[in-house]
Structure formats: structure tokens, C-alpha cells
Amino acid sequence: MSPKNNSEDLITKTPVIANPDDVPFDEGQLLPDTTYQSNSVLPLVHSDLDEYGLDPYEFRIYAHVVRRTGGKYHGECFAKLKKTAEICKMSVRKAQYSLKTLCEAGLLLKEERKGRTDIYKLAPKSSWKPKEELEKIRQQVKNSSLDKNSEE
């Protein structure tokens, strides 16, 4: 039996990337515009993100925001915090810490909306703080949350 060669072989799900190092990571989208094939099911995680040093909760939240934004910088993620935590299999508090850390580290942009859910957008890699600062950022996030709790 010969392989099919028609439009059913092409779908719009997962990109085929010959060499991930050839993908420009700082452009307007995270995934390149390329041919999509149904037999390719592996998502691409760029080495810059993989080696940045996110903890599992931060990485999971970041992946969720990428999915919700469609992997595009102009995309928006505005899900309720409780729903985001539920989908990501973590507590609401852990989701809050992770989102705040990702924003403080420059990986996400946050637009606050009064009376509505906040909007999160992906930030270009050029705005990421150096990975060596990540632990300090985490401590600042935890300390700022503790300070708020002690004031209430």
C-alpha cells in the first residue's frame, strides 16, 4: 500500500521543525509558520525556556498561558485564577505565586482589570530578567505576599 499524498495528511496541530535552533525565539510568535503534519505530535520547548530555571509550578503555569494565548505575543489569557489552578493541578496560592514570579521575571505581562479577571500576555525573551536573578525574584514575591498578609 502506498502512502497517501493528499490534504488529509496536513492538519493544523503540531509543527514539524527540522532544527529548533533555527527558530527565531524573539519574533511575534513562539512557533514558526510551517507545514503541519498529523504524524508529528511533539511540542517544542525552546532551550532558553527549558534552561531558564523555572520550578515545575512556574513552568506549568507558563505552558498554560502559552496555550491560552495561542503562543502569540498579542494573544491574551484571562481565565479565572481558580480555573487556571484547577487545570494546572495546583492550589490557587501556588498559581498566584507562580504568576507573580513569571511577571516579575519578565516572562509574562499582566494587565489588571477592575472587577474582571486580569489579562496575561507572553513577553518577548528580550524582557526576561537574567536567570541568575530568578531565586531572588521568588524570595521577593514570597516576602511581598507575607508583608501583605501581616498588614491585613
Protein backbone atom coordinates (compact mmCIF):
# COMPACT_ATOMS: atom_id res chain seq x y z
CA MET A 1 0.00 0.00 0.00
CA SER A 2 1.44 3.39 -0.98
CA PRO A 3 1.29 6.31 1.43
CA LYS A 4 -1.48 8.85 0.93
CA ASN A 5 -0.45 12.16 -0.51
CA ASN A 6 -3.45 14.43 -0.15
CA SER A 7 -4.75 17.25 2.01
CA GLU A 8 -5.87 14.82 4.72
CA ASP A 9 -2.19 14.37 5.61
CA LEU A 10 -1.90 18.03 6.61
CA ILE A 11 -3.58 19.45 9.70
CA THR A 12 -3.07 22.48 11.88
CA LYS A 13 -1.96 20.97 15.17
CA THR A 14 1.75 20.43 15.76
CA PRO A 15 4.60 21.95 13.75
CA VAL A 16 7.39 19.99 12.17
CA ILE A 17 10.66 21.73 12.96
CA ALA A 18 13.79 20.33 11.40
CA ASN A 19 16.20 22.19 13.66
CA PRO A 20 14.76 24.04 16.69
CA ASP A 21 17.92 26.19 16.88
CA ASP A 22 16.91 27.73 13.54
CA VAL A 23 13.69 29.10 15.05
CA PRO A 24 13.96 32.79 15.92
CA PHE A 25 12.64 32.89 19.50
CA ASP A 26 12.15 36.65 19.76
CA GLU A 27 9.69 37.12 16.92
CA GLY A 28 5.96 37.79 17.20
CA GLN A 29 5.07 34.17 17.73
CA LEU A 30 6.67 31.33 19.64
CA LEU A 31 6.19 28.69 16.96
CA PRO A 32 7.24 29.21 13.35
CA ASP A 33 4.78 29.33 10.49
CA THR A 34 5.46 25.95 8.91
CA THR A 35 3.83 22.88 7.42
CA TYR A 36 1.85 20.86 9.91
CA GLN A 37 1.63 17.08 9.73
CA SER A 38 -0.66 14.75 11.63
CA ASN A 39 2.15 12.28 12.45
CA SER A 40 4.09 14.92 14.40
CA VAL A 41 2.81 15.21 17.96
CA LEU A 42 5.79 16.52 19.93
CA PRO A 43 5.56 20.12 21.16
CA LEU A 44 8.62 22.34 21.01
CA VAL A 45 10.09 23.74 24.22
CA HIS A 46 12.85 26.16 23.35
CA SER A 47 16.15 25.62 25.17
CA ASP A 48 16.06 29.19 26.51
CA LEU A 49 12.85 28.38 28.37
CA ASP A 50 13.88 24.84 29.33
CA GLU A 51 17.14 26.05 30.86
CA TYR A 52 15.80 29.24 32.45
CA GLY A 53 15.30 27.54 35.83
CA LEU A 54 11.54 27.69 36.33
CA ASP A 55 10.21 25.39 39.03
CA PRO A 56 7.57 22.83 37.95
CA TYR A 57 4.68 25.09 39.02
CA GLU A 58 6.00 28.13 37.18
CA PHE A 59 6.72 26.03 34.09
CA ARG A 60 3.21 24.56 34.15
CA ILE A 61 1.58 27.97 34.52
CA TYR A 62 3.74 29.35 31.71
CA ALA A 63 2.74 26.43 29.45
CA HIS A 64 -0.92 27.09 30.26
CA VAL A 65 -0.61 30.78 29.35
CA VAL A 66 1.17 29.83 26.11
CA ARG A 67 -1.73 27.51 25.24
CA ARG A 68 -4.35 30.11 26.15
CA THR A 69 -2.63 32.83 24.09
CA GLY A 70 -2.11 30.55 21.12
CA GLY A 71 1.64 31.02 21.55
CA LYS A 72 1.43 34.56 20.20
CA TYR A 73 2.59 37.75 21.89
CA HIS A 74 -0.66 39.55 21.05
CA GLY A 75 -2.75 36.67 22.46
CA GLU A 76 -4.49 37.04 25.80
CA CYS A 77 -5.04 34.70 28.73
CA PHE A 78 -7.85 35.87 31.01
CA ALA A 79 -9.04 32.70 32.72
CA LYS A 80 -10.13 32.86 36.34
CA LEU A 81 -7.35 32.09 38.78
CA LYS A 82 -9.32 29.23 40.34
CA LYS A 83 -9.86 27.62 36.92
CA THR A 84 -6.19 28.09 35.97
CA ALA A 85 -5.08 26.43 39.23
CA GLU A 86 -7.54 23.57 38.69
CA ILE A 87 -6.36 22.94 35.12
CA CYS A 88 -2.70 23.12 36.19
CA LYS A 89 -3.29 20.77 39.18
CA MET A 90 -2.10 23.14 41.91
CA SER A 91 -3.52 25.28 44.66
CA VAL A 92 -4.76 28.79 43.94
CA ARG A 93 -2.00 30.15 46.20
CA LYS A 94 0.70 28.30 44.24
CA ALA A 95 -0.79 29.57 40.96
CA GLN A 96 -0.73 33.14 42.37
CA TYR A 97 2.93 32.83 43.39
CA SER A 98 3.84 31.34 40.03
CA LEU A 99 2.04 34.02 38.01
CA LYS A 100 3.58 36.80 40.08
CA THR A 101 7.06 35.26 39.75
CA LEU A 102 6.66 34.92 35.98
CA CYS A 103 5.57 38.56 35.74
CA GLU A 104 8.38 39.83 37.98
CA ALA A 105 10.90 37.78 35.97
CA GLY A 106 9.63 39.37 32.76
CA LEU A 107 8.24 36.22 31.13
CA LEU A 108 4.63 37.41 31.33
CA LEU A 109 2.94 40.79 31.12
CA LYS A 110 -0.07 41.47 33.34
CA GLU A 111 -2.91 43.87 32.63
CA GLU A 112 -5.06 44.43 35.71
CA ARG A 113 -8.77 44.96 35.14
CA LYS A 114 -11.04 46.20 37.91
CA GLY A 115 -13.97 43.86 38.52
CA ARG A 116 -12.76 41.38 35.89
CA THR A 117 -10.03 38.80 35.56
CA ASP A 118 -6.52 40.05 34.85
CA ILE A 119 -5.09 39.56 31.37
CA TYR A 120 -1.74 37.81 30.94
CA LYS A 121 0.33 38.05 27.77
CA LEU A 122 3.61 36.48 26.74
CA ALA A 123 6.60 38.78 26.94
CA PRO A 124 9.42 38.69 24.39
CA LYS A 125 12.59 37.00 25.53
CA SER A 126 14.39 40.35 25.43
CA SER A 127 12.37 41.40 28.50
CA TRP A 128 13.26 38.30 30.57
CA LYS A 129 15.46 39.06 33.55
CA PRO A 130 18.69 37.03 33.80
CA LYS A 131 18.03 33.51 35.05
CA GLU A 132 20.57 34.09 37.83
CA GLU A 133 18.06 36.51 39.40
CA LEU A 134 15.18 34.01 39.48
CA GLU A 135 15.71 32.79 43.04
CA LYS A 136 15.93 36.36 44.32
CA ILE A 137 12.70 37.19 42.46
CA ARG A 138 10.96 34.19 44.05
CA GLN A 139 12.02 35.36 47.51
CA GLN A 140 10.78 38.89 46.82
CA VAL A 141 7.42 37.50 45.68
CA LYS A 142 7.06 35.38 48.81
CA ASN A 143 8.17 38.23 51.08
CA SER A 144 5.80 40.72 49.45
CA SER A 145 2.92 38.28 49.93
CA LEU A 146 3.88 37.74 53.58
CA ASP A 147 4.06 41.52 54.10
CA LYS A 148 0.55 41.96 52.67
CA ASN A 149 -0.82 39.19 54.89
CA SER A 150 0.72 40.71 58.04
CA GLU A 151 -0.83 44.12 57.22
CA GLU A 152 -4.37 42.72 56.99
